[in-house]
Structure formats: C-alpha cells, structure tokens
Amino acid sequence: MTLVDQRFARSEMSLREAGFTALIQSLGYADALRFLAQFNPGQGDYVKRQDQIFGDASVDEIYKQAQKHWERRGD
C-alpha cells in the first residue's frame, strides 16, 4: 500500500471512532472526556460565573436549592 493509499484507508468517521475507542480503552470514559474537553476553550470566566451564581453558598445549601428546584418541577 502506498502512502496515498494509507491516507485514505479509513473514512473520517471510522478514524474518529477508532480514536475515541483508543482513548476510552486507554483512559476510561471520564478521563477521555476530560482530555477531549481541553481542546474546547469554552467561553468567559468559569470561576467568575460560578461566584456570580453561587456566591458563598456551601455545597449543602446548593444541594438544598437544587432539590427544591427539582421538587417544584415535578409538580
């Protein structure tokens, strides 16, 4: 097989699937997703946004607020 033939041996979709499979087998699902997320810079300042949303609330307070929200949605 020549270099040109090797370049097109897999379709783009097949290559992507093989890459995802290799990442997952090597890193596991969670770390593979964490790895891929590094290539998406996102938007804004996450820490600043988090402070705007939660302020000084504790994890327990945030959980209680989330629980109330889901209870209201269930009605």
PDB file of N, CA and C in Angstrom:
ATOM      1  N   MET A   1       0.850  -1.176   0.000  1.00  0.00           N
ATOM      2  CA  MET A   1       0.000   0.000   0.000  1.00  0.00           C
ATOM      3  C   MET A   1       0.898   1.241   0.000  1.00  0.00           C
ATOM      4  N   THR A   2       0.628   2.188  -0.877  1.00  0.00           N
ATOM      5  CA  THR A   2       1.428   3.406  -0.932  1.00  0.00           C
ATOM      6  C   THR A   2       0.984   4.366   0.162  1.00  0.00           C
ATOM      7  N   LEU A   3       1.763   5.407   0.360  1.00  0.00           N
ATOM      8  CA  LEU A   3       1.447   6.411   1.369  1.00  0.00           C
ATOM      9  C   LEU A   3       0.081   7.032   1.106  1.00  0.00           C
ATOM     10  N   VAL A   4      -0.219   7.317  -0.151  1.00  0.00           N
ATOM     11  CA  VAL A   4      -1.514   7.907  -0.503  1.00  0.00           C
ATOM     12  C   VAL A   4      -2.650   6.945  -0.175  1.00  0.00           C
ATOM     13  N   ASP A   5      -2.466   5.656  -0.478  1.00  0.00           N
ATOM     14  CA  ASP A   5      -3.486   4.662  -0.175  1.00  0.00           C
ATOM     15  C   ASP A   5      -3.717   4.559   1.331  1.00  0.00           C
ATOM     16  N   GLN A   6      -2.641   4.622   2.126  1.00  0.00           N
ATOM     17  CA  GLN A   6      -2.768   4.536   3.579  1.00  0.00           C
ATOM     18  C   GLN A   6      -3.542   5.725   4.130  1.00  0.00           C
ATOM     19  N   ARG A   7      -3.373   6.871   3.519  1.00  0.00           N
ATOM     20  CA  ARG A   7      -4.043   8.083   3.983  1.00  0.00           C
ATOM     21  C   ARG A   7      -5.558   7.938   3.913  1.00  0.00           C
ATOM     22  N   PHE A   8      -6.039   7.220   2.931  1.00  0.00           N
ATOM     23  CA  PHE A   8      -7.477   7.076   2.746  1.00  0.00           C
ATOM     24  C   PHE A   8      -7.981   5.679   3.104  1.00  0.00           C
ATOM     25  N   ALA A   9      -7.195   4.930   3.874  1.00  0.00           N
ATOM     26  CA  ALA A   9      -7.584   3.564   4.232  1.00  0.00           C
ATOM     27  C   ALA A   9      -8.831   3.554   5.107  1.00  0.00           C
ATOM     28  N   ARG A  10      -9.040   4.584   5.895  1.00  0.00           N
ATOM     29  CA  ARG A  10     -10.225   4.685   6.763  1.00  0.00           C
ATOM     30  C   ARG A  10     -11.021   5.929   6.381  1.00  0.00           C
ATOM     31  N   SER A  11     -12.309   5.835   6.558  1.00  0.00           N
ATOM     32  CA  SER A  11     -13.130   7.037   6.371  1.00  0.00           C
ATOM     33  C   SER A  11     -12.913   7.939   7.585  1.00  0.00           C
ATOM     34  N   GLU A  12     -13.317   9.184   7.475  1.00  0.00           N
ATOM     35  CA  GLU A  12     -13.185  10.112   8.594  1.00  0.00           C
ATOM     36  C   GLU A  12     -13.965   9.603   9.807  1.00  0.00           C
ATOM     37  N   MET A  13     -15.152   9.060   9.579  1.00  0.00           N
ATOM     38  CA  MET A  13     -15.964   8.549  10.672  1.00  0.00           C
ATOM     39  C   MET A  13     -15.292   7.343  11.331  1.00  0.00           C
ATOM     40  N   SER A  14     -14.747   6.452  10.520  1.00  0.00           N
ATOM     41  CA  SER A  14     -14.059   5.271  11.046  1.00  0.00           C
ATOM     42  C   SER A  14     -12.834   5.673  11.859  1.00  0.00           C
ATOM     43  N   LEU A  15     -12.107   6.662  11.368  1.00  0.00           N
ATOM     44  CA  LEU A  15     -10.929   7.155  12.077  1.00  0.00           C
ATOM     45  C   LEU A  15     -11.328   7.763  13.420  1.00  0.00           C
ATOM     46  N   ARG A  16     -12.381   8.558  13.424  1.00  0.00           N
ATOM     47  CA  ARG A  16     -12.876   9.184  14.649  1.00  0.00           C
ATOM     48  C   ARG A  16     -13.300   8.124  15.658  1.00  0.00           C
ATOM     49  N   GLU A  17     -14.036   7.115  15.202  1.00  0.00           N
ATOM     50  CA  GLU A  17     -14.488   6.040  16.091  1.00  0.00           C
ATOM     51  C   GLU A  17     -13.300   5.281  16.671  1.00  0.00           C
ATOM     52  N   ALA A  18     -12.304   4.984  15.831  1.00  0.00           N
ATOM     53  CA  ALA A  18     -11.115   4.271  16.310  1.00  0.00           C
ATOM     54  C   ALA A  18     -10.364   5.108  17.338  1.00  0.00           C
ATOM     55  N   GLY A  19     -10.294   6.407  17.094  1.00  0.00           N
ATOM     56  CA  GLY A  19      -9.623   7.301  18.042  1.00  0.00           C
ATOM     57  C   GLY A  19     -10.342   7.364  19.369  1.00  0.00           C
ATOM     58  N   PHE A  20     -11.669   7.507  19.333  1.00  0.00           N
ATOM     59  CA  PHE A  20     -12.448   7.527  20.579  1.00  0.00           C
ATOM     60  C   PHE A  20     -12.294   6.215  21.334  1.00  0.00           C
ATOM     61  N   THR A  21     -12.342   5.114  20.610  1.00  0.00           N
ATOM     62  CA  THR A  21     -12.195   3.798  21.235  1.00  0.00           C
ATOM     63  C   THR A  21     -10.832   3.679  21.912  1.00  0.00           C
ATOM     64  N   ALA A  22      -9.783   4.110  21.225  1.00  0.00           N
ATOM     65  CA  ALA A  22      -8.432   4.039  21.796  1.00  0.00           C
ATOM     66  C   ALA A  22      -8.324   4.908  23.047  1.00  0.00           C
ATOM     67  N   LEU A  23      -8.884   6.107  22.995  1.00  0.00           N
ATOM     68  CA  LEU A  23      -8.863   6.988  24.170  1.00  0.00           C
ATOM     69  C   LEU A  23      -9.590   6.355  25.344  1.00  0.00           C
ATOM     70  N   ILE A  24     -10.769   5.837  25.099  1.00  0.00           N
ATOM     71  CA  ILE A  24     -11.577   5.251  26.163  1.00  0.00           C
ATOM     72  C   ILE A  24     -10.888   4.028  26.744  1.00  0.00           C
ATOM     73  N   GLN A  25     -10.321   3.186  25.893  1.00  0.00           N
ATOM     74  CA  GLN A  25      -9.624   1.998  26.388  1.00  0.00           C
ATOM     75  C   GLN A  25      -8.394   2.374  27.200  1.00  0.00           C
ATOM     76  N   SER A  26      -7.727   3.429  26.801  1.00  0.00           N
ATOM     77  CA  SER A  26      -6.510   3.846  27.479  1.00  0.00           C
ATOM     78  C   SER A  26      -6.785   4.638  28.751  1.00  0.00           C
ATOM     79  N   LEU A  27      -7.764   5.547  28.681  1.00  0.00           N
ATOM     80  CA  LEU A  27      -8.000   6.477  29.788  1.00  0.00           C
ATOM     81  C   LEU A  27      -9.269   6.195  30.588  1.00  0.00           C
ATOM     82  N   GLY A  28     -10.189   5.442  30.036  1.00  0.00           N
ATOM     83  CA  GLY A  28     -11.501   5.297  30.660  1.00  0.00           C
ATOM     84  C   GLY A  28     -12.403   6.420  30.179  1.00  0.00           C
ATOM     85  N   TYR A  29     -13.719   6.261  30.370  1.00  0.00           N
ATOM     86  CA  TYR A  29     -14.670   7.249  29.849  1.00  0.00           C
ATOM     87  C   TYR A  29     -14.450   8.643  30.426  1.00  0.00           C
ATOM     88  N   ALA A  30     -14.374   8.755  31.740  1.00  0.00           N
ATOM     89  CA  ALA A  30     -14.287  10.073  32.374  1.00  0.00           C
ATOM     90  C   ALA A  30     -13.036  10.823  31.943  1.00  0.00           C
ATOM     91  N   ASP A  31     -11.885  10.168  32.001  1.00  0.00           N
ATOM     92  CA  ASP A  31     -10.649  10.857  31.629  1.00  0.00           C
ATOM     93  C   ASP A  31     -10.571  11.128  30.134  1.00  0.00           C
ATOM     94  N   ALA A  32     -11.171  10.271  29.316  1.00  0.00           N
ATOM     95  CA  ALA A  32     -11.205  10.538  27.873  1.00  0.00           C
ATOM     96  C   ALA A  32     -12.005  11.809  27.603  1.00  0.00           C
ATOM     97  N   LEU A  33     -13.128  11.975  28.287  1.00  0.00           N
ATOM     98  CA  LEU A  33     -13.929  13.191  28.119  1.00  0.00           C
ATOM     99  C   LEU A  33     -13.184  14.411  28.641  1.00  0.00           C
ATOM    100  N   ARG A  34     -12.509  14.259  29.772  1.00  0.00           N
ATOM    101  CA  ARG A  34     -11.716  15.375  30.311  1.00  0.00           C
ATOM    102  C   ARG A  34     -10.627  15.780  29.324  1.00  0.00           C
ATOM    103  N   PHE A  35      -9.982  14.786  28.713  1.00  0.00           N
ATOM    104  CA  PHE A  35      -8.933  15.046  27.732  1.00  0.00           C
ATOM    105  C   PHE A  35      -9.497  15.817  26.540  1.00  0.00           C
ATOM    106  N   LEU A  36     -10.616  15.345  26.000  1.00  0.00           N
ATOM    107  CA  LEU A  36     -11.212  16.000  24.832  1.00  0.00           C
ATOM    108  C   LEU A  36     -11.693  17.404  25.151  1.00  0.00           C
ATOM    109  N   ALA A  37     -12.177  17.619  26.364  1.00  0.00           N
ATOM    110  CA  ALA A  37     -12.672  18.942  26.755  1.00  0.00           C
ATOM    111  C   ALA A  37     -11.561  19.989  26.754  1.00  0.00           C
ATOM    112  N   GLN A  38     -10.325  19.559  26.882  1.00  0.00           N
ATOM    113  CA  GLN A  38      -9.206  20.504  26.877  1.00  0.00           C
ATOM    114  C   GLN A  38      -9.046  21.205  25.534  1.00  0.00           C
ATOM    115  N   PHE A  39      -9.606  20.644  24.495  1.00  0.00           N
ATOM    116  CA  PHE A  39      -9.477  21.238  23.173  1.00  0.00           C
ATOM    117  C   PHE A  39     -10.596  22.214  22.852  1.00  0.00           C
ATOM    118  N   ASN A  40     -11.549  22.357  23.762  1.00  0.00           N
ATOM    119  CA  ASN A  40     -12.637  23.314  23.605  1.00  0.00           C
ATOM    120  C   ASN A  40     -12.466  24.381  24.670  1.00  0.00           C
ATOM    121  N   PRO A  41     -12.037  25.579  24.274  1.00  0.00           N
ATOM    122  CA  PRO A  41     -11.727  26.596  25.279  1.00  0.00           C
ATOM    123  C   PRO A  41     -12.938  27.140  26.027  1.00  0.00           C
ATOM    124  N   GLY A  42     -14.148  26.900  25.528  1.00  0.00           N
ATOM    125  CA  GLY A  42     -15.317  27.432  26.216  1.00  0.00           C
ATOM    126  C   GLY A  42     -15.400  28.937  26.068  1.00  0.00           C
ATOM    127  N   GLN A  43     -16.220  29.543  26.912  1.00  0.00           N
ATOM    128  CA  GLN A  43     -16.405  30.990  26.837  1.00  0.00           C
ATOM    129  C   GLN A  43     -16.403  31.586  28.230  1.00  0.00           C
ATOM    130  N   GLY A  44     -15.901  32.776  28.330  1.00  0.00           N
ATOM    131  CA  GLY A  44     -15.969  33.511  29.582  1.00  0.00           C
ATOM    132  C   GLY A  44     -15.049  32.958  30.659  1.00  0.00           C
ATOM    133  N   ASP A  45     -15.305  33.437  31.867  1.00  0.00           N
ATOM    134  CA  ASP A  45     -14.513  33.072  33.036  1.00  0.00           C
ATOM    135  C   ASP A  45     -15.377  32.201  33.936  1.00  0.00           C
ATOM    136  N   TYR A  46     -15.115  30.898  33.937  1.00  0.00           N
ATOM    137  CA  TYR A  46     -15.946  29.950  34.682  1.00  0.00           C
ATOM    138  C   TYR A  46     -15.963  30.271  36.177  1.00  0.00           C
ATOM    139  N   VAL A  47     -14.801  30.610  36.740  1.00  0.00           N
ATOM    140  CA  VAL A  47     -14.733  30.873  38.176  1.00  0.00           C
ATOM    141  C   VAL A  47     -15.560  32.105  38.529  1.00  0.00           C
ATOM    142  N   LYS A  48     -15.462  33.142  37.715  1.00  0.00           N
ATOM    143  CA  LYS A  48     -16.238  34.363  37.961  1.00  0.00           C
ATOM    144  C   LYS A  48     -17.734  34.067  37.844  1.00  0.00           C
ATOM    145  N   ARG A  49     -18.110  33.314  36.834  1.00  0.00           N
ATOM    146  CA  ARG A  49     -19.524  32.955  36.635  1.00  0.00           C
ATOM    147  C   ARG A  49     -20.033  32.109  37.804  1.00  0.00           C
ATOM    148  N   GLN A  50     -19.230  31.176  38.267  1.00  0.00           N
ATOM    149  CA  GLN A  50     -19.605  30.328  39.391  1.00  0.00           C
ATOM    150  C   GLN A  50     -19.821  31.184  40.640  1.00  0.00           C
ATOM    151  N   ASP A  51     -18.950  32.163  40.866  1.00  0.00           N
ATOM    152  CA  ASP A  51     -19.111  33.064  42.010  1.00  0.00           C
ATOM    153  C   ASP A  51     -20.390  33.883  41.891  1.00  0.00           C
ATOM    154  N   GLN A  52     -20.741  34.306  40.669  1.00  0.00           N
ATOM    155  CA  GLN A  52     -21.971  35.063  40.470  1.00  0.00           C
ATOM    156  C   GLN A  52     -23.204  34.215  40.774  1.00  0.00           C
ATOM    157  N   ILE A  53     -23.156  32.955  40.402  1.00  0.00           N
ATOM    158  CA  ILE A  53     -24.309  32.077  40.588  1.00  0.00           C
ATOM    159  C   ILE A  53     -24.443  31.622  42.037  1.00  0.00           C
ATOM    160  N   PHE A  54     -23.342  31.149  42.629  1.00  0.00           N
ATOM    161  CA  PHE A  54     -23.410  30.511  43.944  1.00  0.00           C
ATOM    162  C   PHE A  54     -22.931  31.373  45.094  1.00  0.00           C
ATOM    163  N   GLY A  55     -22.154  32.411  44.821  1.00  0.00           N
ATOM    164  CA  GLY A  55     -21.642  33.262  45.890  1.00  0.00           C
ATOM    165  C   GLY A  55     -20.880  32.445  46.923  1.00  0.00           C
ATOM    166  N   ASP A  56     -21.209  32.653  48.183  1.00  0.00           N
ATOM    167  CA  ASP A  56     -20.533  31.953  49.280  1.00  0.00           C
ATOM    168  C   ASP A  56     -21.329  30.748  49.776  1.00  0.00           C
ATOM    169  N   ALA A  57     -22.311  30.294  49.001  1.00  0.00           N
ATOM    170  CA  ALA A  57     -23.150  29.172  49.427  1.00  0.00           C
ATOM    171  C   ALA A  57     -22.309  27.905  49.595  1.00  0.00           C
ATOM    172  N   SER A  58     -22.652  27.127  50.612  1.00  0.00           N
ATOM    173  CA  SER A  58     -21.970  25.856  50.828  1.00  0.00           C
ATOM    174  C   SER A  58     -22.529  24.806  49.864  1.00  0.00           C
ATOM    175  N   VAL A  59     -21.849  23.694  49.784  1.00  0.00           N
ATOM    176  CA  VAL A  59     -22.315  22.599  48.935  1.00  0.00           C
ATOM    177  C   VAL A  59     -23.694  22.139  49.412  1.00  0.00           C
ATOM    178  N   ASP A  60     -23.888  22.070  50.725  1.00  0.00           N
ATOM    179  CA  ASP A  60     -25.187  21.653  51.274  1.00  0.00           C
ATOM    180  C   ASP A  60     -26.298  22.627  50.881  1.00  0.00           C
ATOM    181  N   GLU A  61     -26.006  23.924  50.915  1.00  0.00           N
ATOM    182  CA  GLU A  61     -27.005  24.926  50.528  1.00  0.00           C
ATOM    183  C   GLU A  61     -27.342  24.806  49.039  1.00  0.00           C
ATOM    184  N   ILE A  62     -26.329  24.612  48.224  1.00  0.00           N
ATOM    185  CA  ILE A  62     -26.550  24.451  46.782  1.00  0.00           C
ATOM    186  C   ILE A  62     -27.380  23.202  46.525  1.00  0.00           C
ATOM    187  N   TYR A  63     -27.082  22.127  47.242  1.00  0.00           N
ATOM    188  CA  TYR A  63     -27.841  20.881  47.083  1.00  0.00           C
ATOM    189  C   TYR A  63     -29.302  21.100  47.464  1.00  0.00           C
ATOM    190  N   LYS A  64     -29.544  21.789  48.573  1.00  0.00           N
ATOM    191  CA  LYS A  64     -30.932  22.041  49.009  1.00  0.00           C
ATOM    192  C   LYS A  64     -31.684  22.876  47.978  1.00  0.00           C
ATOM    193  N   GLN A  65     -31.016  23.872  47.409  1.00  0.00           N
ATOM    194  CA  GLN A  65     -31.655  24.698  46.373  1.00  0.00           C
ATOM    195  C   GLN A  65     -31.983  23.852  45.143  1.00  0.00           C
ATOM    196  N   ALA A  66     -31.055  22.995  44.748  1.00  0.00           N
ATOM    197  CA  ALA A  66     -31.291  22.122  43.589  1.00  0.00           C
ATOM    198  C   ALA A  66     -32.439  21.161  43.867  1.00  0.00           C
ATOM    199  N   GLN A  67     -32.483  20.626  45.077  1.00  0.00           N
ATOM    200  CA  GLN A  67     -33.547  19.693  45.449  1.00  0.00           C
ATOM    201  C   GLN A  67     -34.907  20.387  45.393  1.00  0.00           C
ATOM    202  N   LYS A  68     -34.997  21.609  45.908  1.00  0.00           N
ATOM    203  CA  LYS A  68     -36.257  22.371  45.849  1.00  0.00           C
ATOM    204  C   LYS A  68     -36.659  22.627  44.402  1.00  0.00           C
ATOM    205  N   HIS A  69     -35.689  22.963  43.587  1.00  0.00           N
ATOM    206  CA  HIS A  69     -35.962  23.218  42.168  1.00  0.00           C
ATOM    207  C   HIS A  69     -36.580  21.981  41.508  1.00  0.00           C
ATOM    208  N   TRP A  70     -35.979  20.814  41.734  1.00  0.00           N
ATOM    209  CA  TRP A  70     -36.474  19.588  41.114  1.00  0.00           C
ATOM    210  C   TRP A  70     -37.814  19.180  41.676  1.00  0.00           C
ATOM    211  N   GLU A  71     -38.066  19.466  42.943  1.00  0.00           N
ATOM    212  CA  GLU A  71     -39.377  19.164  43.535  1.00  0.00           C
ATOM    213  C   GLU A  71     -40.454  20.034  42.894  1.00  0.00           C
ATOM    214  N   ARG A  72     -40.140  21.310  42.683  1.00  0.00           N
ATOM    215  CA  ARG A  72     -41.111  22.222  42.034  1.00  0.00           C
ATOM    216  C   ARG A  72     -41.383  21.787  40.604  1.00  0.00           C
ATOM    217  N   ARG A  73     -40.366  21.336  39.905  1.00  0.00           N
ATOM    218  CA  ARG A  73     -40.553  20.894  38.512  1.00  0.00           C
ATOM    219  C   ARG A  73     -41.403  19.629  38.432  1.00  0.00           C
ATOM    220  N   GLY A  74     -41.389  18.831  39.472  1.00  0.00           N
ATOM    221  CA  GLY A  74     -42.144  17.587  39.484  1.00  0.00           C
ATOM    222  C   GLY A  74     -43.628  17.786  39.695  1.00  0.00           C
ATOM    223  N   ASP A  75     -44.035  18.970  40.153  1.00  0.00           N
ATOM    224  CA  ASP A  75     -45.473  19.248  40.414  1.00  0.00           C
ATOM    225  C   ASP A  75     -46.244  19.499  39.158  1.00  0.00           C
TER     226      ASP A  75
END
